[in-house]
Amino acid sequence: MSVLEAMSVLELRGVSKTYGAGAAEVQALRDVDLSVQAGAMVAVMGPSGSGKSTLLTIAGSLEDPTSGEVLVGGAALSGMSRNDKARLLRHGTGTSSTTPGPTWRRTSSSSTRPTEPMGREVRATDRVAP
């Protein structure tokens, strides 16, 4: 196994996410640990309401966890600016959406391009609905 294969590109350590407060409090994630190695393909599966989207939203740095730590390529996301997070993720990971519509796929080691669900590449001149 090479050093690259052994490197964890995404790590979640004790990640929890709580929404609301008091009687309306919902714990979407509770103390989640996850390590994804370079080159791995991961599927997050579970019933509706089990925290899949919350997990992916936090892993993609679109939302901060209530507690715990998220690392991408060994760098902790906590304390990073929004621009620094975007820069790090743009060059480090590829994700796919849980909703219909354009998704992203890696086309080279450092770029991604949107594709439609059936795989047709979306060109810069194509109109993509919000």
Protein backbone atom coordinates (compact mmCIF):
# COMPACT_ATOMS: atom_id res chain seq x y z
CA MET A 1 0.00 0.00 0.00
CA SER A 2 1.43 3.40 -0.98
CA VAL A 3 1.53 6.41 1.35
CA LEU A 4 -1.15 8.11 -0.77
CA GLU A 5 -3.50 5.13 -0.41
CA ALA A 6 -3.04 5.14 3.38
CA MET A 7 -3.70 8.88 3.72
CA SER A 8 -7.10 9.83 5.06
CA VAL A 9 -8.51 12.51 2.76
CA LEU A 10 -11.58 13.05 4.93
CA GLU A 11 -11.91 12.49 8.65
CA LEU A 12 -14.78 13.18 11.02
CA ARG A 13 -13.93 12.84 14.69
CA GLY A 14 -16.75 12.81 17.23
CA VAL A 15 -19.00 14.93 14.99
CA SER A 16 -22.43 15.83 16.35
CA LYS A 17 -25.08 18.20 14.99
CA THR A 18 -28.07 19.49 16.89
CA TYR A 19 -30.80 21.71 15.48
CA GLY A 20 -33.24 23.73 17.56
CA ALA A 21 -33.42 23.96 21.34
CA GLY A 22 -35.56 22.71 24.19
CA ALA A 23 -38.60 20.69 23.16
CA ALA A 24 -37.83 21.36 19.48
CA GLU A 25 -34.25 20.04 19.71
CA VAL A 26 -33.29 17.42 17.14
CA GLN A 27 -29.96 15.60 17.26
CA ALA A 28 -29.25 14.84 13.58
CA LEU A 29 -25.79 13.35 14.23
CA ARG A 30 -24.34 11.97 17.43
CA ASP A 31 -20.60 11.39 17.91
CA VAL A 32 -19.83 10.25 14.33
CA ASP A 33 -16.33 9.00 13.48
CA LEU A 34 -15.48 8.47 9.80
CA SER A 35 -12.24 8.07 7.88
CA VAL A 36 -12.14 8.00 4.08
CA GLN A 37 -8.89 6.95 2.44
CA ALA A 38 -7.57 8.41 -0.82
CA GLY A 39 -9.19 6.74 -3.84
CA ALA A 40 -12.06 5.27 -1.82
CA MET A 41 -15.63 5.49 -3.01
CA VAL A 42 -18.15 5.79 -0.18
CA ALA A 43 -21.94 5.47 -0.20
CA VAL A 44 -23.91 6.90 2.72
CA MET A 45 -27.16 4.99 3.07
CA GLY A 46 -29.98 4.94 5.58
CA PRO A 47 -33.64 5.67 6.10
CA SER A 48 -35.16 9.10 5.74
CA GLY A 49 -34.24 11.31 8.67
CA SER A 50 -31.17 9.31 9.67
CA GLY A 51 -28.71 12.19 9.12
CA LYS A 52 -27.27 11.36 5.68
CA SER A 53 -27.67 14.86 4.25
CA THR A 54 -26.46 16.46 7.47
CA LEU A 55 -23.36 14.26 7.42
CA LEU A 56 -22.57 15.14 3.80
CA THR A 57 -23.28 18.84 4.36
CA ILE A 58 -20.83 18.91 7.27
CA ALA A 59 -18.24 16.77 5.44
CA GLY A 60 -18.48 19.18 2.50
CA SER A 61 -17.92 22.18 4.82
CA LEU A 62 -21.26 23.76 3.96
CA GLU A 63 -22.28 23.61 7.61
CA ASP A 64 -20.32 23.42 10.86
CA PRO A 65 -20.84 20.60 13.35
CA THR A 66 -22.22 21.44 16.81
CA SER A 67 -19.24 19.52 18.19
CA GLY A 68 -16.39 17.43 16.87
CA GLU A 69 -13.78 17.94 14.22
CA VAL A 70 -13.69 17.66 10.42
CA LEU A 71 -10.35 17.28 8.62
CA VAL A 72 -9.75 17.32 4.87
CA GLY A 73 -6.32 16.15 3.81
CA GLY A 74 -5.23 16.46 7.44
CA ALA A 75 -6.28 20.12 7.70
CA ALA A 76 -8.96 20.98 10.29
CA LEU A 77 -11.87 22.93 8.78
CA SER A 78 -12.71 24.67 12.07
CA GLY A 79 -11.37 28.18 12.07
CA MET A 80 -10.87 28.30 8.28
CA SER A 81 -12.47 31.10 6.32
CA ARG A 82 -15.19 30.25 3.84
CA ASN A 83 -12.78 30.96 0.96
CA ASP A 84 -10.06 28.76 2.44
CA LYS A 85 -12.56 25.91 2.85
CA ALA A 86 -13.72 26.29 -0.75
CA ARG A 87 -10.14 26.35 -2.02
CA LEU A 88 -9.22 23.23 -0.04
CA LEU A 89 -12.30 21.27 -1.10
CA ARG A 90 -12.11 22.37 -4.74
CA HIS A 91 -8.73 20.66 -5.02
CA GLY A 92 -9.31 17.73 -2.72
CA THR A 93 -12.67 15.97 -2.86
CA GLY A 94 -15.54 15.11 -5.12
CA THR A 95 -19.09 14.67 -3.88
CA SER A 96 -22.40 13.74 -5.36
CA SER A 97 -25.77 15.16 -4.46
CA THR A 98 -28.72 13.28 -2.99
CA THR A 99 -31.15 15.34 -5.07
CA PRO A 100 -31.99 15.10 -8.77
CA GLY A 101 -30.19 17.47 -11.09
CA PRO A 102 -26.61 18.12 -12.11
CA THR A 103 -23.99 16.23 -10.13
CA TRP A 104 -20.20 16.53 -10.08
CA ARG A 105 -17.66 14.04 -11.30
CA ARG A 106 -13.89 14.18 -11.32
CA THR A 107 -12.46 14.55 -14.81
CA SER A 108 -8.80 14.96 -13.82
CA SER A 109 -6.72 14.99 -10.67
CA SER A 110 -7.56 18.63 -9.95
CA SER A 111 -10.86 19.52 -11.60
CA THR A 112 -14.50 18.62 -11.56
CA ARG A 113 -17.22 19.16 -14.13
CA PRO A 114 -20.98 19.02 -13.72
CA THR A 115 -22.83 16.19 -15.39
CA GLU A 116 -26.50 15.48 -15.75
CA PRO A 117 -27.87 12.34 -14.06
CA MET A 118 -27.56 10.32 -17.28
CA GLY A 119 -23.92 11.38 -17.67
CA ARG A 120 -24.09 14.04 -20.39
CA GLU A 121 -21.53 16.75 -19.71
CA VAL A 122 -22.97 20.17 -19.03
CA ARG A 123 -21.23 22.83 -21.07
CA ALA A 124 -20.61 26.41 -19.96
CA THR A 125 -23.23 27.56 -22.49
CA ASP A 126 -25.90 25.20 -21.11
CA ARG A 127 -28.52 26.68 -18.82
CA VAL A 128 -28.67 25.01 -15.42
CA ALA A 129 -31.80 25.58 -13.34
CA PRO A 130 -31.21 26.78 -9.75
